[in-house]
Structure formats: C-alpha cells, structure tokens
Amino acid sequence: MQYLLLIYENEKRFAAGYDPAEMKEYMAFGETYRNAIKGGNALRATTTATTVRVRDGKRLATDGPFAETKEQLGGFYLVEANNLDDAIEMAGKIPGARFGCVEVRPIETFS
C-alpha cells in the first residue's frame, strides 16, 4: 500500500540555510528506503505559495498558504509500505520528525 509522509516543521528554522549534517541524514534516509520511496520533494517556503479557490464559478488566487500555522508543510515522501505500522516506522526515521511532525496518510485508490 502507498502512503504519503508529509513533513511539517517551522520553516523559520531554514532561514539561514540547511544544516549539512541534517541533509546527510536525509540522504541516508533516502538510501535506506530507496526501494520504498516512490517520489518526494522538499517544498519552497510558504511565502512562495498561492492558494486557489473557486467560488460561484470564479477562480480566486491569493498569495500565501491556506492558513497560518506554527508548522508548515516542508516536503513529502510517497512510499510503499506493507502496512500502516511500517509506514509509521519509516516516518519516525525522517530527520524532520525531531523538530516538527510527520503526518502519515494512506493513498486512496479508485477503481
């Protein structure tokens, strides 16, 4: 089954750049789970986001994220895991889990 591992952290932590030691940890995570990882990316800061809504047939685009929060979605992995417990174990090994949280969401499949 596929799961999306959504990494939430306070993006202000990266204002001065990324910690090289932490980046090595992400690379090691990627190597450890290379067969399980089906995709993933880091996201740019929420200041680069645009939120789109359609109301009464009209598209509205506003700068920024949908809502202000203490932690922002900073990246994600799409992984293949045998079950939720295995996906949770993987999520716990993502370096960002130490500073924020990782949301584990099963992927819905439609026939």
C-alpha atoms as a PDB file:
ATOM      1  CA  MET A   1       0.000   0.000   0.000  1.00  0.00           C
ATOM      2  CA  GLN A   2       1.187   3.534  -0.668  1.00  0.00           C
ATOM      3  CA  TYR A   3       1.398   6.241   1.989  1.00  0.00           C
ATOM      4  CA  LEU A   4       2.208   9.928   1.830  1.00  0.00           C
ATOM      5  CA  LEU A   5       4.587  11.061   4.570  1.00  0.00           C
ATOM      6  CA  LEU A   6       4.004  14.800   4.993  1.00  0.00           C
ATOM      7  CA  ILE A   7       6.817  16.615   6.817  1.00  0.00           C
ATOM      8  CA  TYR A   8       5.763  19.640   8.890  1.00  0.00           C
ATOM      9  CA  GLU A   9       8.271  21.949  10.566  1.00  0.00           C
ATOM     10  CA  ASN A  10       8.723  25.596  11.394  1.00  0.00           C
ATOM     11  CA  GLU A  11      10.255  26.868   8.153  1.00  0.00           C
ATOM     12  CA  LYS A  12      11.993  29.713  10.004  1.00  0.00           C
ATOM     13  CA  ARG A  13      14.496  27.074  11.071  1.00  0.00           C
ATOM     14  CA  PHE A  14      15.823  27.118   7.487  1.00  0.00           C
ATOM     15  CA  ALA A  15      16.040  30.902   7.043  1.00  0.00           C
ATOM     16  CA  ALA A  16      19.843  30.756   7.185  1.00  0.00           C
ATOM     17  CA  GLY A  17      20.047  27.643   5.018  1.00  0.00           C
ATOM     18  CA  TYR A  18      20.084  23.931   5.605  1.00  0.00           C
ATOM     19  CA  ASP A  19      22.255  22.154   8.155  1.00  0.00           C
ATOM     20  CA  PRO A  20      24.728  19.968   6.196  1.00  0.00           C
ATOM     21  CA  ALA A  21      24.646  17.264   8.897  1.00  0.00           C
ATOM     22  CA  GLU A  22      20.854  17.077   8.700  1.00  0.00           C
ATOM     23  CA  MET A  23      20.991  16.930   4.911  1.00  0.00           C
ATOM     24  CA  LYS A  24      23.302  13.909   5.253  1.00  0.00           C
ATOM     25  CA  GLU A  25      20.647  12.311   7.451  1.00  0.00           C
ATOM     26  CA  TYR A  26      18.033  12.897   4.742  1.00  0.00           C
ATOM     27  CA  MET A  27      20.370  11.357   2.170  1.00  0.00           C
ATOM     28  CA  ALA A  28      20.886   8.341   4.442  1.00  0.00           C
ATOM     29  CA  PHE A  29      17.109   8.012   4.902  1.00  0.00           C
ATOM     30  CA  GLY A  30      16.720   8.074   1.129  1.00  0.00           C
ATOM     31  CA  GLU A  31      19.358   5.381   0.715  1.00  0.00           C
ATOM     32  CA  THR A  32      17.869   3.171   3.450  1.00  0.00           C
ATOM     33  CA  TYR A  33      14.370   3.360   1.960  1.00  0.00           C
ATOM     34  CA  ARG A  34      15.264   3.758  -1.722  1.00  0.00           C
ATOM     35  CA  ASN A  35      13.148   0.743  -2.717  1.00  0.00           C
ATOM     36  CA  ALA A  36      10.130   2.001  -0.761  1.00  0.00           C
ATOM     37  CA  ILE A  37      10.304   5.656  -1.862  1.00  0.00           C
ATOM     38  CA  LYS A  38       8.202   6.224  -4.978  1.00  0.00           C
ATOM     39  CA  GLY A  39       8.574  10.011  -5.012  1.00  0.00           C
ATOM     40  CA  GLY A  40       9.108  13.051  -2.862  1.00  0.00           C
ATOM     41  CA  ASN A  41      10.383  16.585  -2.748  1.00  0.00           C
ATOM     42  CA  ALA A  42      11.188  19.464  -0.477  1.00  0.00           C
ATOM     43  CA  LEU A  43       8.921  22.470  -0.877  1.00  0.00           C
ATOM     44  CA  ARG A  44       9.894  26.122  -1.070  1.00  0.00           C
ATOM     45  CA  ALA A  45       8.806  28.488   1.714  1.00  0.00           C
ATOM     46  CA  THR A  46       5.130  29.294   2.206  1.00  0.00           C
ATOM     47  CA  THR A  47       5.870  32.839   1.048  1.00  0.00           C
ATOM     48  CA  THR A  48       6.067  31.382  -2.469  1.00  0.00           C
ATOM     49  CA  ALA A  49       2.683  29.625  -2.199  1.00  0.00           C
ATOM     50  CA  THR A  50      -0.529  30.569  -3.983  1.00  0.00           C
ATOM     51  CA  THR A  51      -3.902  29.338  -2.752  1.00  0.00           C
ATOM     52  CA  VAL A  52      -6.641  28.791  -5.348  1.00  0.00           C
ATOM     53  CA  ARG A  53     -10.372  28.624  -4.629  1.00  0.00           C
ATOM     54  CA  VAL A  54     -13.389  28.591  -6.907  1.00  0.00           C
ATOM     55  CA  ARG A  55     -16.489  30.363  -5.560  1.00  0.00           C
ATOM     56  CA  ASP A  56     -19.639  30.972  -7.565  1.00  0.00           C
ATOM     57  CA  GLY A  57     -17.804  29.792 -10.682  1.00  0.00           C
ATOM     58  CA  LYS A  58     -14.993  32.339 -10.241  1.00  0.00           C
ATOM     59  CA  ARG A  59     -11.394  31.401  -9.601  1.00  0.00           C
ATOM     60  CA  LEU A  60      -9.749  33.304  -6.761  1.00  0.00           C
ATOM     61  CA  ALA A  61      -5.991  33.153  -6.255  1.00  0.00           C
ATOM     62  CA  THR A  62      -4.358  34.593  -3.147  1.00  0.00           C
ATOM     63  CA  ASP A  63      -0.725  34.771  -2.130  1.00  0.00           C
ATOM     64  CA  GLY A  64       0.422  32.517   0.640  1.00  0.00           C
ATOM     65  CA  PRO A  65      -0.756  29.303   2.225  1.00  0.00           C
ATOM     66  CA  PHE A  66      -4.334  28.421   3.102  1.00  0.00           C
ATOM     67  CA  ALA A  67      -3.804  29.038   6.832  1.00  0.00           C
ATOM     68  CA  GLU A  68      -1.069  30.313   9.076  1.00  0.00           C
ATOM     69  CA  THR A  69       0.257  27.674  11.448  1.00  0.00           C
ATOM     70  CA  LYS A  70       3.249  27.130  13.704  1.00  0.00           C
ATOM     71  CA  GLU A  71       4.464  24.348  11.426  1.00  0.00           C
ATOM     72  CA  GLN A  72       4.386  24.395   7.646  1.00  0.00           C
ATOM     73  CA  LEU A  73       4.386  21.601   5.093  1.00  0.00           C
ATOM     74  CA  GLY A  74       8.021  21.493   4.055  1.00  0.00           C
ATOM     75  CA  GLY A  75       8.202  18.328   1.998  1.00  0.00           C
ATOM     76  CA  PHE A  76       6.910  14.838   1.462  1.00  0.00           C
ATOM     77  CA  TYR A  77       7.745  11.279   0.538  1.00  0.00           C
ATOM     78  CA  LEU A  78       5.454   8.912  -1.322  1.00  0.00           C
ATOM     79  CA  VAL A  79       6.330   5.435  -0.047  1.00  0.00           C
ATOM     80  CA  GLU A  80       5.278   1.839  -0.488  1.00  0.00           C
ATOM     81  CA  ALA A  81       4.822   0.009   2.832  1.00  0.00           C
ATOM     82  CA  ASN A  82       3.342  -3.329   3.857  1.00  0.00           C
ATOM     83  CA  ASN A  83       1.024  -1.673   6.375  1.00  0.00           C
ATOM     84  CA  LEU A  84       0.450   1.420   8.495  1.00  0.00           C
ATOM     85  CA  ASP A  85       2.871   0.248  11.189  1.00  0.00           C
ATOM     86  CA  ASP A  86       5.697   0.012   8.639  1.00  0.00           C
ATOM     87  CA  ALA A  87       4.834   3.465   7.255  1.00  0.00           C
ATOM     88  CA  ILE A  88       4.850   4.897  10.796  1.00  0.00           C
ATOM     89  CA  GLU A  89       8.255   3.325  11.428  1.00  0.00           C
ATOM     90  CA  MET A  90       9.604   4.968   8.263  1.00  0.00           C
ATOM     91  CA  ALA A  91       8.072   8.324   9.249  1.00  0.00           C
ATOM     92  CA  GLY A  92       9.819   8.161  12.609  1.00  0.00           C
ATOM     93  CA  LYS A  93      13.177   7.963  10.852  1.00  0.00           C
ATOM     94  CA  ILE A  94      12.698  11.165   8.850  1.00  0.00           C
ATOM     95  CA  PRO A  95      15.010  13.785  10.416  1.00  0.00           C
ATOM     96  CA  GLY A  96      12.255  16.437  10.406  1.00  0.00           C
ATOM     97  CA  ALA A  97      10.211  14.362  12.866  1.00  0.00           C
ATOM     98  CA  ARG A  98      12.617  15.522  15.595  1.00  0.00           C
ATOM     99  CA  PHE A  99      11.765  19.190  15.006  1.00  0.00           C
ATOM    100  CA  GLY A 100       8.139  19.059  13.861  1.00  0.00           C
ATOM    101  CA  CYS A 101       5.943  16.143  12.862  1.00  0.00           C
ATOM    102  CA  VAL A 102       5.324  13.740  10.013  1.00  0.00           C
ATOM    103  CA  GLU A 103       1.735  13.042   9.024  1.00  0.00           C
ATOM    104  CA  VAL A 104       1.170   9.561   7.570  1.00  0.00           C
ATOM    105  CA  ARG A 105      -1.718   9.333   5.104  1.00  0.00           C
ATOM    106  CA  PRO A 106      -2.756   6.268   3.107  1.00  0.00           C
ATOM    107  CA  ILE A 107      -3.227   6.852  -0.606  1.00  0.00           C
ATOM    108  CA  GLU A 108      -6.784   6.305  -1.814  1.00  0.00           C
ATOM    109  CA  THR A 109      -7.126   4.140  -4.874  1.00  0.00           C
ATOM    110  CA  PHE A 110     -10.115   4.305  -7.181  1.00  0.00           C
ATOM    111  CA  SER A 111     -11.225   1.524  -9.494  1.00  0.00           C
END
